[in-house]
């Protein structure tokens, strides 16, 4: 692998060659004239202190800060990449990959040092012809092998340095092909974030828990879990991530490790789901994306390809594919041979999607309102942190629907549902195959079965010590369907009562939060 760095990527792009590339890619006529008008007759000057130079014309470089130049640069680099491609590359099944390019971050791939030198020479020559230049001081070589193998590459007579690790697009790649160093680096970066915010956020008494947890979700978690979709979670990694997670949450809860309070108790008190669950959900989501990718998408093609060769001697490493297949079986109960079929079951006709959404609208909105019920004060907490009683909601426009929502909220309060359980319950309601007018009934039934199976696995994993929890919770689906059947007409009455097509403000406020 050769990580190629280009000198001053945006600055040396010649305008004349850029117009030729755009013409070659079909950008012509008035559109090309509009793009050229941004750069024609461009002039600059140099100012030193109070002295200014004479104006001089500018014929190279793309303007930075404008939304158009990144697109122009992508087209420009695509022409260089296409012209420099040869027979070199790494074979994955029937596909050969010779390079990876994201903006000006380029990786050249080859199966041998000689092929990689040829690929680098062709790429550097095309860059020179287009007015670009490879930076020999910042470009580096890395051999992906369990053993140390020397690889000498040259550009313009200068030897590129060989490294054992390289950070590409924010992810650390090592010559051994492991992600351990990257995960350790993520944990270290998260620890640095917590140290920087320790006094100003984590232990600051003036900040509410809600504000601290918001910062935890928006800054700390993304820093810790960047690129987690492709991690293989060993027991060591799981333990370290859980320790990093709880080091932040304990401080927010005002506890220390010596207090000997279980992590599950702290999370339940703060209303935060386990970070490991968030990571595993992201990995399964990415697996679904890979299965659904159309032919031609590089990620999907590599995932479906079967590399040639044999695995080395010794204990084999756990492959990501094997790990995530086992994850799907343990948490969703879906065997590997059915994963692709299940992942593609979400592809429903647009007409069926509309019918499902309209059919479950009242049920899901009633559920979202009911989970905000506070049994101590017998009130619903609205999205604006305002608590209302049953009569207030009834007088605010909901009428008899408020009785059904409050009764449901009183029942759901006994279950103490977390966000994941509420989301899965909504998914089960959404995928109801008995809605009239559906065409893909069998596909919707299978999809609902998958959600039900995942829901049951999650309940058994989280609340296995509560007897009959799952069947009792499943009965609430029937209650929600009854609410939808009996009170859906209320929406029509409200339309008649509100000729301005505006629902009462209290009704809008209850259902303002549309996050799933």
Protein backbone atom coordinates (compact mmCIF):
# COMPACT_ATOMS: atom_id res chain seq x y z
CA UNK A 1 0.00 0.00 0.00
CA UNK A 2 1.25 3.48 -0.87
CA UNK A 3 -0.40 6.43 0.84
CA UNK A 4 0.12 9.31 -1.59
CA UNK A 5 0.06 12.94 -0.51
CA UNK A 6 -0.28 15.71 -3.08
CA UNK A 7 1.48 19.03 -2.62
CA UNK A 8 -1.00 21.86 -1.99
CA UNK A 9 -3.86 19.87 -3.49
CA UNK A 10 -6.24 22.72 -4.44
CA UNK A 11 -3.65 25.38 -5.28
CA UNK A 12 -1.81 24.04 -8.38
CA UNK A 13 -4.87 22.98 -10.43
CA UNK A 14 -4.46 24.68 -13.85
CA UNK A 15 -7.66 26.35 -15.03
CA UNK A 16 -7.04 25.44 -18.69
CA UNK A 17 -6.72 21.71 -17.95
CA UNK A 18 -9.72 21.87 -15.60
CA UNK A 19 -11.95 23.24 -18.40
CA UNK A 20 -10.75 20.42 -20.66
CA UNK A 21 -11.63 17.84 -17.99
CA UNK A 22 -15.11 19.30 -17.49
CA UNK A 23 -15.70 19.26 -21.26
CA UNK A 24 -14.53 15.64 -21.37
CA UNK A 25 -16.98 14.74 -18.57
CA UNK A 26 -19.92 16.34 -20.38
CA UNK A 27 -20.04 19.75 -18.66
CA UNK A 28 -20.59 22.08 -21.60
CA UNK A 29 -22.56 25.05 -22.84
CA UNK A 30 -24.01 27.54 -20.37
CA UNK A 31 -23.03 25.45 -17.34
CA UNK A 32 -19.37 25.42 -18.34
CA UNK A 33 -19.50 29.16 -19.08
CA UNK A 34 -21.00 29.78 -15.63
CA UNK A 35 -18.20 27.82 -13.93
CA UNK A 36 -15.51 29.55 -16.00
CA UNK A 37 -16.96 32.97 -15.16
CA UNK A 38 -15.98 32.41 -11.51
CA UNK A 39 -12.30 32.14 -12.48
CA UNK A 40 -11.91 34.21 -15.67
CA UNK A 41 -10.00 37.45 -15.28
CA UNK A 42 -9.06 36.55 -11.68
CA UNK A 43 -6.37 38.84 -10.30
CA UNK A 44 -4.52 38.99 -6.99
CA UNK A 45 -1.98 41.11 -5.17
CA UNK A 46 0.46 40.67 -2.32
CA UNK A 47 0.34 42.90 0.73
CA UNK A 48 3.23 43.24 3.16
CA UNK A 49 2.39 45.53 6.07
CA UNK A 50 0.97 48.63 4.36
CA UNK A 51 2.69 48.01 1.01
CA UNK A 52 0.77 46.39 -1.87
CA UNK A 53 2.09 44.88 -5.07
CA UNK A 54 0.66 45.36 -8.52
CA UNK A 55 -2.24 43.17 -9.61
CA UNK A 56 -1.29 40.01 -11.46
CA UNK A 57 -3.48 37.40 -13.23
CA UNK A 58 -4.17 34.01 -11.60
CA UNK A 59 -4.45 30.97 -13.87
CA UNK A 60 -4.15 28.15 -11.30
CA UNK A 61 -5.84 27.07 -8.08
CA UNK A 62 -9.37 26.47 -6.83
CA UNK A 63 -11.07 28.85 -4.45
CA UNK A 64 -11.36 27.50 -0.93
CA UNK A 65 -14.48 28.17 1.11
CA UNK A 66 -16.78 27.89 -1.91
CA UNK A 67 -19.04 24.80 -2.24
CA UNK A 68 -18.17 24.28 -5.93
CA UNK A 69 -14.36 23.67 -5.83
CA UNK A 70 -14.58 20.31 -3.97
CA UNK A 71 -16.79 18.97 -6.77
CA UNK A 72 -14.41 20.36 -9.42
CA UNK A 73 -11.45 18.77 -7.63
CA UNK A 74 -13.20 15.39 -7.43
CA UNK A 75 -13.80 15.43 -11.20
CA UNK A 76 -10.20 16.53 -11.77
CA UNK A 77 -8.81 13.70 -9.60
CA UNK A 78 -11.13 11.15 -11.19
CA UNK A 79 -9.60 11.87 -14.61
CA UNK A 80 -6.09 11.41 -13.16
CA UNK A 81 -7.12 8.14 -11.49
CA UNK A 82 -8.74 6.70 -14.61
CA UNK A 83 -5.77 7.55 -16.82
CA UNK A 84 -3.23 6.09 -14.40
CA UNK A 85 -4.98 2.75 -13.90
CA UNK A 86 -3.14 -0.25 -15.28
CA UNK A 87 -3.12 -3.98 -14.66
CA UNK A 88 -1.81 -3.54 -11.12
CA UNK A 89 -4.02 -3.88 -8.09
CA UNK A 90 -5.30 -6.33 -5.49
CA UNK A 91 -7.77 -8.98 -6.61
CA UNK A 92 -10.95 -9.66 -4.61
CA UNK A 93 -12.79 -12.46 -6.36
CA UNK A 94 -13.61 -11.15 -9.84
CA UNK A 95 -12.70 -7.56 -8.98
CA UNK A 96 -9.34 -5.84 -9.07
CA UNK A 97 -8.86 -2.73 -6.91
CA UNK A 98 -5.90 -0.55 -7.81
CA UNK A 99 -6.59 2.61 -5.80
CA UNK A 100 -8.78 4.25 -3.17
CA UNK A 101 -9.37 7.99 -3.45
CA UNK A 102 -11.21 10.36 -1.13
CA UNK A 103 -10.64 13.98 -2.26
CA UNK A 104 -6.84 14.31 -2.19
CA UNK A 105 -6.27 11.27 0.06
CA UNK A 106 -5.00 8.56 -2.28
CA UNK A 107 -4.05 4.93 -1.56
CA UNK A 108 -2.44 2.84 -4.29
CA UNK A 109 -2.80 -0.94 -3.93
CA UNK A 110 -0.82 -3.79 -5.47
CA UNK A 111 0.03 -7.39 -4.66
CA UNK A 112 3.80 -6.93 -5.09
CA UNK A 113 6.41 -4.21 -4.70
CA UNK A 114 7.15 -4.15 -8.44
CA UNK A 115 3.49 -3.68 -9.37
CA UNK A 116 3.15 -0.97 -6.74
CA UNK A 117 6.17 0.87 -8.16
CA UNK A 118 4.60 0.74 -11.64
CA UNK A 119 1.29 2.04 -10.29
CA UNK A 120 3.02 4.84 -8.40
CA UNK A 121 5.03 5.81 -11.47
CA UNK A 122 1.93 5.99 -13.66
CA UNK A 123 0.04 8.01 -11.06
CA UNK A 124 2.92 10.46 -10.51
CA UNK A 125 3.29 10.93 -14.29
CA UNK A 126 -0.40 11.72 -14.72
CA UNK A 127 -0.23 14.15 -11.80
CA UNK A 128 2.74 15.92 -13.40
CA UNK A 129 0.88 16.14 -16.72
CA UNK A 130 -2.09 17.71 -14.94
CA UNK A 131 0.02 20.22 -13.03
CA UNK A 132 -0.01 18.32 -9.71
CA UNK A 133 2.96 16.93 -7.80
CA UNK A 134 3.39 14.04 -5.37
CA UNK A 135 4.91 15.06 -2.03
CA UNK A 136 7.75 12.61 -1.38
CA UNK A 137 8.20 13.80 2.20
CA UNK A 138 4.60 13.06 3.24
CA UNK A 139 3.86 10.00 1.07
CA UNK A 140 4.55 6.68 2.82
CA UNK A 141 4.62 2.95 2.08
CA UNK A 142 3.16 0.15 4.19
CA UNK A 143 3.25 -3.60 3.53
CA UNK A 144 0.24 -5.53 4.80
CA UNK A 145 1.80 -8.75 6.10
CA UNK A 146 2.24 -10.57 9.40
CA UNK A 147 5.98 -10.60 8.77
CA UNK A 148 8.12 -7.55 8.20
CA UNK A 149 8.76 -7.18 4.47
CA UNK A 150 10.88 -4.41 2.98
CA UNK A 151 9.42 -2.42 0.07
CA UNK A 152 11.40 0.35 -1.61
CA UNK A 153 9.43 2.81 -3.75
CA UNK A 154 10.76 5.87 -5.53
CA UNK A 155 9.24 9.00 -7.01
CA UNK A 156 11.54 11.22 -9.05
CA UNK A 157 14.61 9.48 -7.66
CA UNK A 158 13.54 10.01 -4.02
CA UNK A 159 12.81 6.98 -1.81
CA UNK A 160 9.52 6.99 0.08
CA UNK A 161 9.67 6.09 3.79
CA UNK A 162 8.20 2.73 4.86
CA UNK A 163 6.03 2.73 7.99
CA UNK A 164 4.34 0.14 10.20
CA UNK A 165 1.15 2.17 10.66
CA UNK A 166 -0.66 5.01 8.90
CA UNK A 167 -3.74 7.08 9.74
CA UNK A 168 -6.06 7.27 6.74
CA UNK A 169 -9.37 9.16 6.94
CA UNK A 170 -9.13 9.21 10.72
CA UNK A 171 -8.53 5.46 11.12
CA UNK A 172 -5.16 3.96 12.05
CA UNK A 173 -4.13 1.08 9.77
CA UNK A 174 -1.24 -1.21 10.79
CA UNK A 175 0.96 -3.51 8.75
CA UNK A 176 -0.37 -6.56 10.64
CA UNK A 177 -3.95 -5.81 9.60
CA UNK A 178 -5.23 -5.51 13.17
CA UNK A 179 -7.59 -2.89 14.62
CA UNK A 180 -6.29 -3.17 18.20
CA UNK A 181 -4.06 -0.10 17.91
CA UNK A 182 -6.91 1.92 16.41
CA UNK A 183 -9.29 0.94 19.23
CA UNK A 184 -6.64 1.80 21.83
CA UNK A 185 -6.17 5.16 20.11
CA UNK A 186 -9.92 5.81 20.16
CA UNK A 187 -10.05 5.06 23.89
CA UNK A 188 -7.08 7.38 24.47
CA UNK A 189 -8.73 10.14 22.44
CA UNK A 190 -11.94 9.78 24.46
CA UNK A 191 -9.94 9.95 27.70
CA UNK A 192 -8.29 13.15 26.46
CA UNK A 193 -11.73 14.62 25.70
CA UNK A 194 -12.92 13.81 29.22
CA UNK A 195 -9.81 15.37 30.76
CA UNK A 196 -10.33 18.55 28.76
CA UNK A 197 -13.97 18.79 29.91
CA UNK A 198 -13.52 17.43 33.42
CA UNK A 199 -13.81 20.65 35.42
CA UNK A 200 -15.86 22.64 32.92
CA UNK A 201 -18.48 19.96 32.25
CA UNK A 202 -18.18 16.56 33.94
CA UNK A 203 -18.04 17.62 37.60
CA UNK A 204 -19.43 21.14 37.22
CA UNK A 205 -22.31 21.39 39.67
CA UNK A 206 -23.99 24.25 37.82
CA UNK A 207 -24.65 22.00 34.81
CA UNK A 208 -27.64 19.69 34.91
CA UNK A 209 -27.35 15.97 34.28
CA UNK A 210 -29.32 16.40 31.09
CA UNK A 211 -26.76 18.88 29.74
CA UNK A 212 -23.85 16.64 30.74
CA UNK A 213 -25.42 13.60 29.08
CA UNK A 214 -26.10 15.64 25.96
CA UNK A 215 -22.39 16.48 25.76
CA UNK A 216 -21.59 12.83 26.46
CA UNK A 217 -23.73 11.72 23.51
CA UNK A 218 -22.59 14.44 21.09
CA UNK A 219 -18.83 14.59 21.84
CA UNK A 220 -17.56 11.74 24.01
CA UNK A 221 -19.38 8.83 22.33
CA UNK A 222 -18.55 9.84 18.71
CA UNK A 223 -14.90 10.29 19.67
CA UNK A 224 -14.77 6.86 21.29
CA UNK A 225 -16.73 4.96 18.63
CA UNK A 226 -15.51 6.52 15.36
CA UNK A 227 -15.24 3.73 12.80
CA UNK A 228 -16.74 1.15 15.19
CA UNK A 229 -18.75 -0.51 12.40
CA UNK A 230 -15.68 -2.54 11.36
CA UNK A 231 -14.38 -3.46 14.81
CA UNK A 232 -14.18 -7.07 15.96
CA UNK A 233 -15.26 -6.96 19.60
CA UNK A 234 -13.10 -9.34 21.62
CA UNK A 235 -13.59 -9.69 25.37
CA UNK A 236 -10.57 -7.45 25.98
CA UNK A 237 -11.97 -4.73 23.72
CA UNK A 238 -15.44 -4.97 25.27
CA UNK A 239 -13.98 -4.64 28.75
CA UNK A 240 -11.88 -1.60 27.82
CA UNK A 241 -14.76 0.19 26.09
CA UNK A 242 -17.07 -0.46 29.02
CA UNK A 243 -14.42 0.92 31.39
CA UNK A 244 -14.05 4.06 29.24
CA UNK A 245 -17.81 4.48 29.12
CA UNK A 246 -18.34 4.13 32.86
CA UNK A 247 -15.44 6.45 33.76
CA UNK A 248 -17.50 9.30 32.27
CA UNK A 249 -20.94 8.18 33.49
CA UNK A 250 -19.79 7.59 37.07
CA UNK A 251 -18.51 11.18 37.29
CA UNK A 252 -21.80 12.47 35.92
CA UNK A 253 -23.67 10.43 38.54
CA UNK A 254 -21.32 11.70 41.26
CA UNK A 255 -19.87 8.28 41.99
CA UNK A 256 -16.44 6.68 42.10
CA UNK A 257 -15.22 3.16 41.45
CA UNK A 258 -14.69 2.60 45.16
CA UNK A 259 -18.43 3.10 45.77
CA UNK A 260 -18.94 -0.43 44.39
CA UNK A 261 -22.15 0.43 42.51
CA UNK A 262 -22.99 -1.74 39.53
CA UNK A 263 -22.63 -0.20 36.09
CA UNK A 264 -26.16 -1.27 35.18
CA UNK A 265 -27.53 0.66 38.17
CA UNK A 266 -25.66 3.81 37.13
CA UNK A 267 -26.87 3.54 33.53
CA UNK A 268 -30.45 2.94 34.62
CA UNK A 269 -30.32 5.95 36.93
CA UNK A 270 -29.01 8.17 34.12
CA UNK A 271 -31.28 6.67 31.47
CA UNK A 272 -28.38 5.72 29.18
CA UNK A 273 -28.19 2.53 27.13
CA UNK A 274 -24.97 0.46 27.24
CA UNK A 275 -22.36 1.72 24.80
CA UNK A 276 -21.62 -1.85 23.70
CA UNK A 277 -25.23 -2.13 22.58
CA UNK A 278 -24.85 1.09 20.55
CA UNK A 279 -21.72 -0.32 18.88
CA UNK A 280 -23.29 -3.69 18.07
CA UNK A 281 -26.37 -1.99 16.64
CA UNK A 282 -24.15 0.11 14.37
CA UNK A 283 -22.30 -2.99 13.19
CA UNK A 284 -25.54 -4.79 12.33
CA UNK A 285 -26.82 -1.67 10.59
CA UNK A 286 -23.68 -1.55 8.43
CA UNK A 287 -24.11 -5.26 7.65
CA UNK A 288 -27.59 -4.51 6.36
CA UNK A 289 -26.25 -1.67 4.21
CA UNK A 290 -23.67 -4.02 2.69
CA UNK A 291 -26.29 -6.62 1.80
CA UNK A 292 -28.51 -3.99 0.17
CA UNK A 293 -25.79 -2.25 -1.84
CA UNK A 294 -26.46 -2.48 -5.58
CA UNK A 295 -23.92 -4.05 -7.96
CA UNK A 296 -21.04 -1.71 -8.68
CA UNK A 297 -20.71 -0.27 -5.17
CA UNK A 298 -17.14 -1.05 -4.13
CA UNK A 299 -17.91 -1.80 -0.47
CA UNK A 300 -20.66 -4.26 -1.37
CA UNK A 301 -18.58 -5.95 -4.06
CA UNK A 302 -15.64 -6.47 -1.68
CA UNK A 303 -17.98 -7.83 1.00
CA UNK A 304 -19.53 -10.33 -1.42
CA UNK A 305 -16.19 -11.32 -2.99
CA UNK A 306 -14.28 -14.47 -2.05
CA UNK A 307 -10.52 -13.71 -1.83
CA UNK A 308 -8.18 -16.37 -3.17
CA UNK A 309 -5.39 -17.98 -1.17
CA UNK A 310 -5.05 -19.77 2.15
CA UNK A 311 -5.09 -18.53 5.70
CA UNK A 312 -1.70 -18.75 7.49
CA UNK A 313 -0.85 -21.36 10.08
CA UNK A 314 -1.66 -20.89 13.71
CA UNK A 315 -4.80 -19.75 15.45
CA UNK A 316 -6.90 -17.93 12.84
CA UNK A 317 -8.06 -14.41 13.57
CA UNK A 318 -11.77 -13.78 13.84
CA UNK A 319 -12.92 -12.27 10.57
CA UNK A 320 -15.37 -9.38 10.68
CA UNK A 321 -17.85 -11.36 8.60
CA UNK A 322 -17.81 -14.29 11.04
CA UNK A 323 -18.04 -11.97 14.03
CA UNK A 324 -21.02 -9.97 12.77
CA UNK A 325 -22.85 -13.11 11.58
CA UNK A 326 -22.52 -14.54 15.08
CA UNK A 327 -23.71 -11.20 16.47
CA UNK A 328 -26.84 -11.33 14.31
CA UNK A 329 -27.55 -14.88 15.47
CA UNK A 330 -27.07 -14.11 19.17
CA UNK A 331 -29.04 -10.84 19.27
CA UNK A 332 -31.56 -11.21 16.44
CA UNK A 333 -31.86 -14.97 16.15
CA UNK A 334 -31.28 -14.80 12.38
CA UNK A 335 -29.07 -17.59 10.94
CA UNK A 336 -26.31 -16.54 8.50
CA UNK A 337 -28.01 -18.11 5.47
CA UNK A 338 -31.10 -15.90 6.02
CA UNK A 339 -29.34 -12.62 6.76
CA UNK A 340 -29.37 -11.26 3.21
CA UNK A 341 -33.05 -12.08 2.77
CA UNK A 342 -33.92 -10.36 6.05
CA UNK A 343 -31.80 -7.31 5.18
CA UNK A 344 -33.60 -6.91 1.85
CA UNK A 345 -37.08 -7.26 3.36
CA UNK A 346 -37.12 -3.53 4.12
CA UNK A 347 -37.31 -2.80 0.38
CA UNK A 348 -41.10 -2.41 0.09
CA UNK A 349 -43.07 -0.70 -2.69
CA UNK A 350 -43.78 2.97 -2.09
CA UNK A 351 -47.54 2.31 -1.95
CA UNK A 352 -47.12 -0.25 0.83
CA UNK A 353 -44.87 2.11 2.78
CA UNK A 354 -47.55 4.83 2.62
CA UNK A 355 -50.26 2.41 3.79
CA UNK A 356 -48.12 1.21 6.71
CA UNK A 357 -47.22 4.74 7.80
CA UNK A 358 -50.82 5.97 7.64
CA UNK A 359 -52.11 2.88 9.41
CA UNK A 360 -49.77 3.11 12.41
CA UNK A 361 -49.75 6.91 12.75
CA UNK A 362 -52.28 7.08 15.62
CA UNK A 363 -50.78 4.05 17.39
CA UNK A 364 -47.19 5.29 17.34
CA UNK A 365 -48.10 8.83 18.37
CA UNK A 366 -50.16 7.44 21.25
CA UNK A 367 -47.18 5.31 22.30
CA UNK A 368 -44.81 8.29 22.18
CA UNK A 369 -47.19 10.28 24.36
CA UNK A 370 -47.82 7.40 26.80
CA UNK A 371 -44.13 6.77 27.55
CA UNK A 372 -43.95 10.34 28.90
CA UNK A 373 -46.40 9.51 31.68
CA UNK A 374 -45.22 10.17 35.25
CA UNK A 375 -47.06 7.86 37.68
CA UNK A 376 -46.16 9.91 40.76
CA UNK A 377 -47.71 13.16 39.56
CA UNK A 378 -50.14 11.49 37.11
CA UNK A 379 -49.06 13.86 34.36
CA UNK A 380 -47.61 13.72 30.85
CA UNK A 381 -44.33 15.55 30.32
CA UNK A 382 -44.47 17.40 27.03
CA UNK A 383 -41.48 18.03 24.78
CA UNK A 384 -41.07 21.49 26.32
CA UNK A 385 -40.66 19.95 29.83
CA UNK A 386 -44.21 21.05 30.67
CA UNK A 387 -46.34 18.61 32.70
CA UNK A 388 -50.07 18.40 31.96
CA UNK A 389 -52.87 16.47 33.63
CA UNK A 390 -55.56 14.41 31.98
CA UNK A 391 -58.18 17.18 31.93
CA UNK A 392 -55.73 19.72 30.53
CA UNK A 393 -54.89 17.44 27.63
CA UNK A 394 -58.57 16.68 27.06
CA UNK A 395 -59.51 20.36 27.00
CA UNK A 396 -56.51 21.10 24.80
CA UNK A 397 -58.06 19.26 21.86
CA UNK A 398 -57.52 15.52 22.34
CA UNK A 399 -60.91 14.83 23.90
CA UNK A 400 -61.55 11.19 24.84
CA UNK A 401 -58.21 10.17 23.29
CA UNK A 402 -56.49 11.59 26.37
CA UNK A 403 -58.18 8.96 28.58
CA UNK A 404 -56.81 6.15 26.42
CA UNK A 405 -53.31 7.68 26.37
CA UNK A 406 -53.23 8.20 30.15
CA UNK A 407 -54.49 4.67 30.82
CA UNK A 408 -51.85 3.27 28.48
CA UNK A 409 -49.17 5.42 30.10
CA UNK A 410 -50.12 4.09 33.53
CA UNK A 411 -49.67 0.51 32.26
CA UNK A 412 -46.40 1.20 30.42
CA UNK A 413 -44.90 2.91 33.49
CA UNK A 414 -44.73 -0.51 35.15
CA UNK A 415 -42.46 -1.79 32.36
CA UNK A 416 -39.90 1.04 32.60
CA UNK A 417 -39.12 0.84 28.86
CA UNK A 418 -35.84 2.18 27.53
CA UNK A 419 -35.40 3.91 24.15
CA UNK A 420 -34.51 0.68 22.35
CA UNK A 421 -37.60 -1.12 23.63
CA UNK A 422 -39.83 1.78 22.59
CA UNK A 423 -38.21 1.84 19.13
CA UNK A 424 -38.69 -1.93 18.68
CA UNK A 425 -42.31 -1.65 19.81
CA UNK A 426 -42.85 1.06 17.20
CA UNK A 427 -41.24 -1.17 14.55
CA UNK A 428 -43.62 -4.03 15.42
CA UNK A 429 -46.59 -1.65 15.11
CA UNK A 430 -45.31 -0.29 11.82
CA UNK A 431 -44.88 -3.71 10.19
CA UNK A 432 -48.48 -4.89 10.60
CA UNK A 433 -49.41 -7.04 7.63
CA UNK A 434 -53.19 -6.85 8.22
CA UNK A 435 -53.51 -3.27 6.92
CA UNK A 436 -55.94 -3.15 4.03
CA UNK A 437 -54.53 -2.54 0.57
CA UNK A 438 -51.07 -4.05 1.07
CA UNK A 439 -49.48 -5.97 -1.81
CA UNK A 440 -46.35 -7.51 -0.21
CA UNK A 441 -48.09 -9.13 2.75
CA UNK A 442 -45.67 -12.05 3.13
CA UNK A 443 -42.61 -9.79 3.06
CA UNK A 444 -44.13 -7.53 5.73
CA UNK A 445 -45.01 -10.55 7.87
CA UNK A 446 -41.42 -11.79 7.69
CA UNK A 447 -40.15 -8.35 8.57
CA UNK A 448 -42.44 -8.14 11.60
CA UNK A 449 -41.33 -11.62 12.67
CA UNK A 450 -37.72 -10.43 12.53
CA UNK A 451 -38.52 -7.40 14.69
CA UNK A 452 -40.47 -9.56 17.15
CA UNK A 453 -37.59 -12.02 17.39
CA UNK A 454 -35.09 -9.20 17.93
CA UNK A 455 -37.43 -7.64 20.50
CA UNK A 456 -37.70 -10.94 22.39
CA UNK A 457 -33.93 -11.46 22.33
CA UNK A 458 -33.39 -7.95 23.67
CA UNK A 459 -35.96 -8.41 26.46
CA UNK A 460 -34.50 -11.77 27.47
CA UNK A 461 -31.02 -10.25 27.50
CA UNK A 462 -31.96 -7.13 29.48
CA UNK A 463 -34.82 -8.25 31.75
CA UNK A 464 -34.57 -12.00 31.94
CA UNK A 465 -35.08 -11.90 35.72
CA UNK A 466 -38.60 -10.40 35.46
CA UNK A 467 -41.17 -13.22 35.07
CA UNK A 468 -43.55 -13.05 32.08
CA UNK A 469 -42.22 -9.64 31.06
CA UNK A 470 -42.22 -10.41 27.33
CA UNK A 471 -45.83 -11.71 26.96
CA UNK A 472 -47.17 -8.88 29.13
CA UNK A 473 -45.39 -6.28 27.01
CA UNK A 474 -46.56 -7.94 23.81
CA UNK A 475 -50.16 -7.51 24.96
CA UNK A 476 -49.66 -3.74 24.75
CA UNK A 477 -49.46 -4.07 20.97
CA UNK A 478 -53.12 -5.13 21.06
CA UNK A 479 -53.98 -2.17 23.31
CA UNK A 480 -52.27 0.23 20.91
CA UNK A 481 -54.08 -1.29 17.93
CA UNK A 482 -57.37 -0.79 19.78
CA UNK A 483 -56.53 2.86 20.39
CA UNK A 484 -55.79 3.31 16.72
CA UNK A 485 -59.02 1.59 15.67
CA UNK A 486 -61.29 3.38 18.16
CA UNK A 487 -59.86 6.90 18.14
CA UNK A 488 -58.42 7.45 14.66
CA UNK A 489 -61.64 9.27 13.73
CA UNK A 490 -60.69 11.93 16.25
CA UNK A 491 -58.25 13.35 13.70
CA UNK A 492 -61.11 13.87 11.23
CA UNK A 493 -63.16 15.65 13.89
CA UNK A 494 -60.20 17.89 14.72
CA UNK A 495 -59.85 18.79 11.05
CA UNK A 496 -63.48 19.87 11.05
CA UNK A 497 -63.07 21.77 14.30
CA UNK A 498 -59.91 23.52 13.01
CA UNK A 499 -60.77 25.07 9.63
CA UNK A 500 -57.36 26.74 9.56
CA UNK A 501 -55.80 23.24 9.35
CA UNK A 502 -53.92 23.84 12.60
CA UNK A 503 -54.18 21.33 15.41
CA UNK A 504 -54.52 22.76 18.93
CA UNK A 505 -51.14 23.91 20.30
CA UNK A 506 -51.24 21.43 23.18
CA UNK A 507 -51.74 18.57 20.73
CA UNK A 508 -48.83 19.73 18.60
CA UNK A 509 -46.58 20.05 21.62
CA UNK A 510 -47.24 16.50 22.79
CA UNK A 511 -46.14 15.04 19.46
CA UNK A 512 -43.50 17.59 18.54
CA UNK A 513 -40.54 15.23 19.05
CA UNK A 514 -40.38 13.11 15.88
CA UNK A 515 -37.14 11.23 16.64
CA UNK A 516 -37.41 7.45 16.38
